Each structure stands twice: as C-alpha cells, then as structure tokens.
C-alpha cells in the first residue's frame, strides 16, 4: 500500500448515497490502521438502509492509487496441495474460503475484483469460460499471460460484454471497495443471464466482531472501503436493483478477533500497520478460528456472503 496524501477531490454527501435518506455520524476521526494511508475519516450510518459509508468519500483516483504492485491479491498464486489447503483451513490461516453456488454444468463466469485470478484459475480447470475485472494492470497481466484468464483491466463499465452473457458473476470482497454500487448492480443485471446467479462477499457490519471492536474492527477498512454493509442493507439494495436473495451466510475467521486486537495494540504505540505478534500467534489463530465458526453458525460472523438471482 502506498502512503498517499489526501486528494482534494473528496465527495461530500448530504444524505445516504444508497437510499437518499438521513444519515448520522457513526465513527468519526478514524485512521487507516492497516496500511498507514494518510488522513482521518468519518463514517456515517443511514437511519433507513443501515449502510455505513465514508463522508466525505475518496475519489476514484485516490482509491486506485491506494494499492501498489505489492498488494497480496496482485501476486501470482499457488494454491498448494490438498493436504496443505486442509491444514491451513484447520489452523484458520486460509481466510474466507467461499461457499459458492453449485452449478451442474460449466458456463461463463465473470469475477469482478479478481486480482491475478486465483479463483478464475480454479474455475477454468473445471471447464468454465472465464473473464475477470481488475483495476490493477499488473495483476491482470499476470492472470492473462501466465494463466490465460481473460482479465480486463479497469472497471465493469469499461469492459464490452454482450447482454445476458454470464451464468455467474462474482464479487468477493470487492463490492465494499466500489464507489458506485448502484451503477455496478445495474451493469451486473444487464450482463447476467435470466437464470444466472450473483455472489457478493463483504464485511458484515451487523457482526459481533464489528460491535465489539468498533473503529479497530479488522474489516472496517477506511478509506479503501467507502461502503460497509449488513444483511439488511444488501437485501434492500439488491431488491431495488432487481435481485432477490437466494441464500446468505456469514463466513469468518480468526482475523475479526486477533486482527482487531492487533490494530488496537498497534495504534496505542503509534504504529499504523496490521502485523504483529498477536495476529501471528498460531495457537490463538486455532482458538479464534473456531470461535468465529461458532458465530457463523448463528449468522453473526463478520464476513457476509450473499447469493442472489434476478427477480
């Protein structure tokens, strides 16, 4: 991550940018505790749809400049053996292995915010026709030259796909990074087949972890998360744009607890980064991973996964 200076092109909202209703201050004067990006930020919460949004919000240029080429999802990938994947899951070091919908046959998939294409590579091996959207030219180049994944650098609005082209459109921990969620959903509805499915994975503001840790919550993410969502928010937003939820769950791991503790401890000593002894403790990872899975059983974990279809 780059240590950006604040840009002047901030956007001030007079009401909720999702539903145009009144919003109240939620968290004020908070800093980026992950990467040390400059500035203090204010989150507001809509009294109607419950979305939590940055106000003022950063510009598109600010967000695109926030990530440098060392960002983890921009690197080439190696998923390892089945044994190593199982070991990582048991120890809680394999975060957010998603529960994607089942398809009886391979089709066309679009992964928005795909990084260098690790999930697309998995789907390609299953016979899917893959396409991705990624802001990073470096990540797109890796996915295309090394794995032939058809990743388009830019946004979903830049790519020229036909109407009703995709069987499956996926946004896993990219939707909260978007400044235009409403326009993006309209675009997805245009691109999705009538019987197609959409997956959205985002942090869950209605989670126990979010309530316990507040501004130190690991998944809050100012300023690179302009919006943060709850199940209530996504239900209203998706319905407004012609989708209905098929099912939803929460899918969490140790980071919601240990990472939040680490951010709080680091801030006390004036360190603005997300590494340290707390989050590296393997025994604590094991314990808090299973605590997180217990919360997921009650659907109050801190990462939300929604599968939706067209109405």
Protein backbone atom coordinates (compact mmCIF):
# COMPACT_ATOMS: atom_id res chain seq x y z
CA UNK A 1 0.00 0.00 0.00
CA UNK A 2 1.16 3.50 -0.79
CA UNK A 3 1.25 6.17 1.89
CA UNK A 4 -0.95 8.55 -0.09
CA UNK A 5 -1.56 12.16 0.75
CA UNK A 6 -5.21 13.17 0.86
CA UNK A 7 -6.52 14.24 -2.51
CA UNK A 8 -8.67 17.32 -2.85
CA UNK A 9 -11.40 15.66 -4.94
CA UNK A 10 -13.43 14.39 -1.99
CA UNK A 11 -17.19 13.97 -2.40
CA UNK A 12 -19.44 15.32 0.36
CA UNK A 13 -22.80 13.58 0.81
CA UNK A 14 -25.80 15.42 2.21
CA UNK A 15 -27.79 12.20 2.59
CA UNK A 16 -27.31 8.46 2.21
CA UNK A 17 -25.82 7.73 -1.24
CA UNK A 18 -27.73 4.44 -1.46
CA UNK A 19 -31.28 5.39 -0.47
CA UNK A 20 -31.22 9.20 -0.14
CA UNK A 21 -32.34 9.16 3.47
CA UNK A 22 -30.89 10.86 6.55
CA UNK A 23 -27.61 9.57 7.98
CA UNK A 24 -25.98 10.10 11.38
CA UNK A 25 -22.34 10.05 12.48
CA UNK A 26 -21.14 6.55 13.31
CA UNK A 27 -17.34 6.64 13.63
CA UNK A 28 -15.52 9.97 13.39
CA UNK A 29 -11.84 10.85 13.07
CA UNK A 30 -10.68 7.32 12.36
CA UNK A 31 -7.42 6.45 10.64
CA UNK A 32 -6.32 3.71 8.31
CA UNK A 33 -4.85 1.17 10.73
CA UNK A 34 -3.88 -1.39 8.09
CA UNK A 35 -1.55 0.38 5.69
CA UNK A 36 -0.88 3.83 7.10
CA UNK A 37 -2.68 5.78 4.37
CA UNK A 38 -2.77 9.44 5.39
CA UNK A 39 -5.84 11.17 6.76
CA UNK A 40 -8.68 10.90 9.21
CA UNK A 41 -12.07 9.74 8.07
CA UNK A 42 -15.72 9.84 9.11
CA UNK A 43 -18.20 7.01 8.68
CA UNK A 44 -21.90 7.79 8.78
CA UNK A 45 -24.77 5.33 9.12
CA UNK A 46 -28.07 5.61 7.26
CA UNK A 47 -31.11 5.50 9.53
CA UNK A 48 -33.07 3.64 6.83
CA UNK A 49 -30.91 1.14 4.94
CA UNK A 50 -28.23 0.92 7.70
CA UNK A 51 -25.32 1.22 5.26
CA UNK A 52 -22.15 2.66 6.78
CA UNK A 53 -20.39 4.99 4.34
CA UNK A 54 -17.46 7.37 4.25
CA UNK A 55 -18.47 11.02 4.22
CA UNK A 56 -16.74 12.69 2.51
CA UNK A 57 -15.79 9.78 0.30
CA UNK A 58 -12.50 9.46 -1.60
CA UNK A 59 -12.20 9.96 -5.33
CA UNK A 60 -11.74 7.08 -7.80
CA UNK A 61 -8.14 8.19 -8.33
CA UNK A 62 -7.47 8.09 -4.60
CA UNK A 63 -8.71 4.50 -4.37
CA UNK A 64 -6.88 3.31 -7.46
CA UNK A 65 -3.64 4.88 -6.19
CA UNK A 66 -4.06 3.34 -2.73
CA UNK A 67 -2.82 -0.05 -3.91
CA UNK A 68 0.69 -0.63 -5.17
CA UNK A 69 2.03 -3.65 -7.02
CA UNK A 70 2.94 -5.45 -3.78
CA UNK A 71 -0.72 -5.87 -2.74
CA UNK A 72 -1.32 -9.52 -1.87
CA UNK A 73 -4.05 -10.27 -4.40
CA UNK A 74 -1.93 -8.85 -7.23
CA UNK A 75 0.69 -11.60 -6.88
CA UNK A 76 0.96 -14.85 -8.77
CA UNK A 77 -0.61 -17.75 -6.89
CA UNK A 78 -0.04 -21.33 -5.88
CA UNK A 79 -2.93 -22.98 -4.03
CA UNK A 80 -0.74 -25.83 -2.76
CA UNK A 81 -1.67 -29.46 -2.26
CA UNK A 82 -5.00 -30.66 -0.87
CA UNK A 83 -3.22 -31.56 2.40
CA UNK A 84 -1.80 -28.06 2.78
CA UNK A 85 -5.17 -26.48 2.00
CA UNK A 86 -6.83 -28.63 4.68
CA UNK A 87 -4.11 -27.81 7.21
CA UNK A 88 -4.47 -24.07 6.53
CA UNK A 89 -8.23 -24.31 6.99
CA UNK A 90 -7.97 -26.23 10.28
CA UNK A 91 -5.46 -23.70 11.63
CA UNK A 92 -7.54 -20.77 10.47
CA UNK A 93 -4.87 -19.45 8.15
CA UNK A 94 -6.94 -19.91 4.99
CA UNK A 95 -9.37 -16.99 5.27
CA UNK A 96 -12.75 -16.76 3.62
CA UNK A 97 -12.93 -19.95 1.59
CA UNK A 98 -16.20 -19.08 -0.01
CA UNK A 99 -19.31 -21.21 -0.38
CA UNK A 100 -20.11 -20.53 -4.00
CA UNK A 101 -23.33 -21.85 -5.56
CA UNK A 102 -23.42 -25.24 -7.21
CA UNK A 103 -23.76 -25.40 -10.99
CA UNK A 104 -24.45 -28.76 -12.67
CA UNK A 105 -22.58 -27.67 -15.78
CA UNK A 106 -19.73 -25.30 -16.55
CA UNK A 107 -20.65 -21.95 -18.08
CA UNK A 108 -19.37 -18.40 -18.26
CA UNK A 109 -18.08 -16.65 -15.14
CA UNK A 110 -17.17 -13.00 -14.52
CA UNK A 111 -15.13 -12.29 -11.38
CA UNK A 112 -15.14 -8.55 -10.53
CA UNK A 113 -12.10 -7.54 -8.48
CA UNK A 114 -10.38 -10.83 -9.27
CA UNK A 115 -6.78 -9.83 -8.52
CA UNK A 116 -4.43 -12.02 -10.51
CA UNK A 117 -7.21 -14.60 -10.96
CA UNK A 118 -6.75 -17.40 -8.44
CA UNK A 119 -10.47 -18.22 -8.26
CA UNK A 120 -10.84 -17.90 -12.03
CA UNK A 121 -7.98 -20.36 -12.47
CA UNK A 122 -9.83 -22.87 -10.31
CA UNK A 123 -12.99 -22.41 -12.37
CA UNK A 124 -11.10 -22.70 -15.64
CA UNK A 125 -9.78 -26.08 -14.53
CA UNK A 126 -13.42 -27.10 -14.01
CA UNK A 127 -14.21 -26.21 -17.62
CA UNK A 128 -15.60 -22.68 -17.20
CA UNK A 129 -15.15 -19.89 -19.72
CA UNK A 130 -13.52 -17.22 -17.56
CA UNK A 131 -13.42 -13.42 -17.54
CA UNK A 132 -12.30 -11.03 -14.85
CA UNK A 133 -12.32 -7.34 -13.99
CA UNK A 134 -9.35 -5.87 -12.11
CA UNK A 135 -8.12 -2.28 -11.64
CA UNK A 136 -4.50 -3.40 -11.42
CA UNK A 137 -2.76 -3.71 -14.78
CA UNK A 138 -0.04 -5.77 -13.10
CA UNK A 139 -2.49 -8.32 -11.68
CA UNK A 140 -4.40 -8.54 -14.97
CA UNK A 141 -1.15 -9.12 -16.85
CA UNK A 142 -0.18 -11.98 -14.51
CA UNK A 143 -3.57 -13.66 -14.92
CA UNK A 144 -3.58 -13.26 -18.67
CA UNK A 145 0.00 -14.10 -19.60
CA UNK A 146 0.58 -16.91 -17.11
CA UNK A 147 -2.89 -18.45 -16.89
CA UNK A 148 -4.89 -17.18 -19.93
CA UNK A 149 -7.80 -16.00 -17.78
CA UNK A 150 -9.17 -13.10 -19.88
CA UNK A 151 -8.88 -10.42 -17.18
CA UNK A 152 -9.88 -6.90 -18.25
CA UNK A 153 -8.01 -4.04 -16.57
CA UNK A 154 -10.36 -1.27 -15.42
CA UNK A 155 -13.97 -1.43 -14.22
CA UNK A 156 -17.00 -3.49 -15.19
CA UNK A 157 -18.29 -0.44 -17.07
CA UNK A 158 -15.20 -0.40 -19.29
CA UNK A 159 -15.47 -4.00 -20.49
CA UNK A 160 -17.71 -4.63 -23.51
CA UNK A 161 -19.60 -7.86 -22.88
CA UNK A 162 -22.96 -8.71 -24.53
CA UNK A 163 -26.21 -8.58 -22.59
CA UNK A 164 -27.18 -11.67 -20.58
CA UNK A 165 -23.80 -13.26 -21.26
CA UNK A 166 -22.72 -14.72 -17.90
CA UNK A 167 -24.05 -17.63 -15.88
CA UNK A 168 -22.23 -16.50 -12.74
CA UNK A 169 -20.97 -13.08 -11.65
CA UNK A 170 -18.90 -12.87 -8.51
CA UNK A 171 -17.68 -10.02 -6.29
CA UNK A 172 -15.78 -11.47 -3.35
CA UNK A 173 -14.53 -8.69 -1.06
CA UNK A 174 -14.54 -6.19 -3.89
CA UNK A 175 -18.06 -4.77 -3.59
CA UNK A 176 -17.17 -2.76 -0.45
CA UNK A 177 -14.34 -1.10 -2.41
CA UNK A 178 -16.69 0.31 -5.06
CA UNK A 179 -17.75 3.95 -5.14
CA UNK A 180 -20.72 3.18 -7.42
CA UNK A 181 -22.51 0.10 -6.04
CA UNK A 182 -25.86 1.04 -7.56
CA UNK A 183 -24.50 1.52 -11.09
CA UNK A 184 -22.47 -1.68 -10.73
CA UNK A 185 -25.56 -3.70 -9.80
CA UNK A 186 -27.41 -2.31 -12.81
CA UNK A 187 -24.50 -3.32 -15.02
CA UNK A 188 -24.41 -6.80 -13.49
CA UNK A 189 -28.13 -7.22 -14.08
CA UNK A 190 -27.55 -6.37 -17.74
CA UNK A 191 -24.73 -8.92 -18.06
CA UNK A 192 -26.31 -11.79 -16.09
CA UNK A 193 -28.38 -14.45 -17.79
CA UNK A 194 -32.04 -14.69 -16.69
CA UNK A 195 -31.29 -17.86 -14.71
CA UNK A 196 -27.79 -16.76 -13.67
CA UNK A 197 -26.52 -16.20 -10.14
CA UNK A 198 -24.54 -13.43 -8.45
CA UNK A 199 -22.27 -13.81 -5.42
CA UNK A 200 -21.33 -10.89 -3.14
CA UNK A 201 -18.90 -11.28 -0.23
CA UNK A 202 -18.46 -8.24 2.05
CA UNK A 203 -17.66 -7.38 5.68
CA UNK A 204 -20.73 -7.64 7.93
CA UNK A 205 -21.42 -4.52 10.00
CA UNK A 206 -24.09 -6.40 11.97
CA UNK A 207 -21.50 -8.86 13.28
CA UNK A 208 -20.42 -9.38 16.86
CA UNK A 209 -16.84 -8.52 15.93
CA UNK A 210 -17.87 -5.16 14.43
CA UNK A 211 -19.83 -4.28 17.57
CA UNK A 212 -17.06 -5.38 19.93
CA UNK A 213 -14.16 -3.58 18.26
CA UNK A 214 -15.72 -0.51 16.64
CA UNK A 215 -13.09 1.60 14.87
CA UNK A 216 -10.48 -1.14 15.45
CA UNK A 217 -12.57 -3.77 13.68
CA UNK A 218 -10.28 -5.57 11.23
CA UNK A 219 -12.74 -5.47 8.32
CA UNK A 220 -13.83 -1.83 8.64
CA UNK A 221 -11.15 -0.66 6.21
CA UNK A 222 -11.13 3.15 5.92
CA UNK A 223 -10.52 4.69 3.42
CA UNK A 224 -10.48 1.79 0.93
CA UNK A 225 -13.96 0.63 1.99
CA UNK A 226 -16.24 3.53 1.02
CA UNK A 227 -19.26 1.39 1.94
CA UNK A 228 -19.78 -1.32 4.56
CA UNK A 229 -22.88 -3.49 4.54
CA UNK A 230 -25.21 -5.56 6.71
CA UNK A 231 -27.70 -8.24 5.61
CA UNK A 232 -30.47 -5.64 5.97
CA UNK A 233 -28.64 -3.20 3.69
CA UNK A 234 -27.91 -5.73 0.97
CA UNK A 235 -31.47 -7.05 0.98
CA UNK A 236 -32.86 -3.55 0.36
CA UNK A 237 -30.20 -2.61 -2.18
CA UNK A 238 -30.45 -5.81 -4.20
CA UNK A 239 -34.25 -5.67 -4.25
CA UNK A 240 -34.17 -2.09 -5.52
CA UNK A 241 -31.96 -3.17 -8.44
CA UNK A 242 -33.96 -6.20 -9.49
CA UNK A 243 -32.40 -9.03 -7.47
CA UNK A 244 -33.66 -11.34 -4.78
CA UNK A 245 -31.51 -13.20 -2.28
CA UNK A 246 -31.40 -16.97 -2.70
CA UNK A 247 -29.41 -17.56 0.49
CA UNK A 248 -26.90 -15.87 2.74
CA UNK A 249 -24.48 -16.84 5.45
CA UNK A 250 -21.55 -15.40 7.36
CA UNK A 251 -18.06 -16.74 6.78
CA UNK A 252 -15.44 -15.57 9.27
CA UNK A 253 -12.03 -16.48 10.61
CA UNK A 254 -9.63 -15.52 13.38
CA UNK A 255 -8.77 -12.09 11.91
CA UNK A 256 -12.01 -10.50 13.09
CA UNK A 257 -10.77 -11.02 16.65
CA UNK A 258 -6.98 -11.29 16.55
CA UNK A 259 -6.58 -8.74 13.78
CA UNK A 260 -8.77 -6.25 15.60
CA UNK A 261 -6.77 -6.77 18.79
CA UNK A 262 -3.58 -6.26 16.79
CA UNK A 263 -4.82 -3.00 15.25
CA UNK A 264 -5.82 -1.68 18.67
CA UNK A 265 -2.47 -2.63 20.22
CA UNK A 266 -0.51 -1.11 17.33
CA UNK A 267 -2.43 2.16 17.46
CA UNK A 268 -1.60 2.56 21.15
CA UNK A 269 2.09 2.71 20.28
CA UNK A 270 1.56 4.86 17.19
CA UNK A 271 2.09 2.11 14.62
CA UNK A 272 -0.28 2.10 11.66
CA UNK A 273 0.07 -1.36 10.17
CA UNK A 274 -1.72 -4.68 10.59
CA UNK A 275 1.12 -7.03 11.54
CA UNK A 276 2.43 -8.10 14.92
CA UNK A 277 2.76 -10.90 17.43
CA UNK A 278 -0.96 -11.12 18.24
CA UNK A 279 -2.16 -11.98 14.75
CA UNK A 280 0.82 -14.30 14.13
CA UNK A 281 0.11 -16.48 17.18
CA UNK A 282 -0.77 -19.89 15.74
CA UNK A 283 -2.40 -21.23 18.90
CA UNK A 284 -4.60 -18.15 19.15
CA UNK A 285 -5.45 -18.49 15.47
CA UNK A 286 -6.72 -22.01 16.06
CA UNK A 287 -8.89 -20.98 19.03
CA UNK A 288 -10.34 -17.85 17.48
CA UNK A 289 -10.91 -19.51 14.14
CA UNK A 290 -13.30 -21.95 15.77
CA UNK A 291 -14.93 -19.19 17.81
CA UNK A 292 -15.52 -17.37 14.52
CA UNK A 293 -17.05 -20.52 13.02
CA UNK A 294 -19.41 -20.77 16.01
CA UNK A 295 -20.58 -17.22 15.33
CA UNK A 296 -21.07 -18.17 11.69
CA UNK A 297 -23.44 -20.93 12.84
CA UNK A 298 -25.65 -18.18 14.29
CA UNK A 299 -25.02 -15.95 11.23
CA UNK A 300 -23.40 -13.15 13.26
CA UNK A 301 -19.84 -13.52 11.94
CA UNK A 302 -18.03 -10.58 10.40
CA UNK A 303 -17.89 -11.57 6.74
CA UNK A 304 -21.14 -11.86 4.81
CA UNK A 305 -21.79 -13.95 1.70
CA UNK A 306 -24.94 -13.44 -0.38
CA UNK A 307 -26.13 -15.36 -3.42
CA UNK A 308 -28.81 -13.62 -5.47
CA UNK A 309 -30.73 -14.03 -8.71
CA UNK A 310 -32.76 -11.77 -10.93
CA UNK A 311 -36.37 -11.26 -9.87
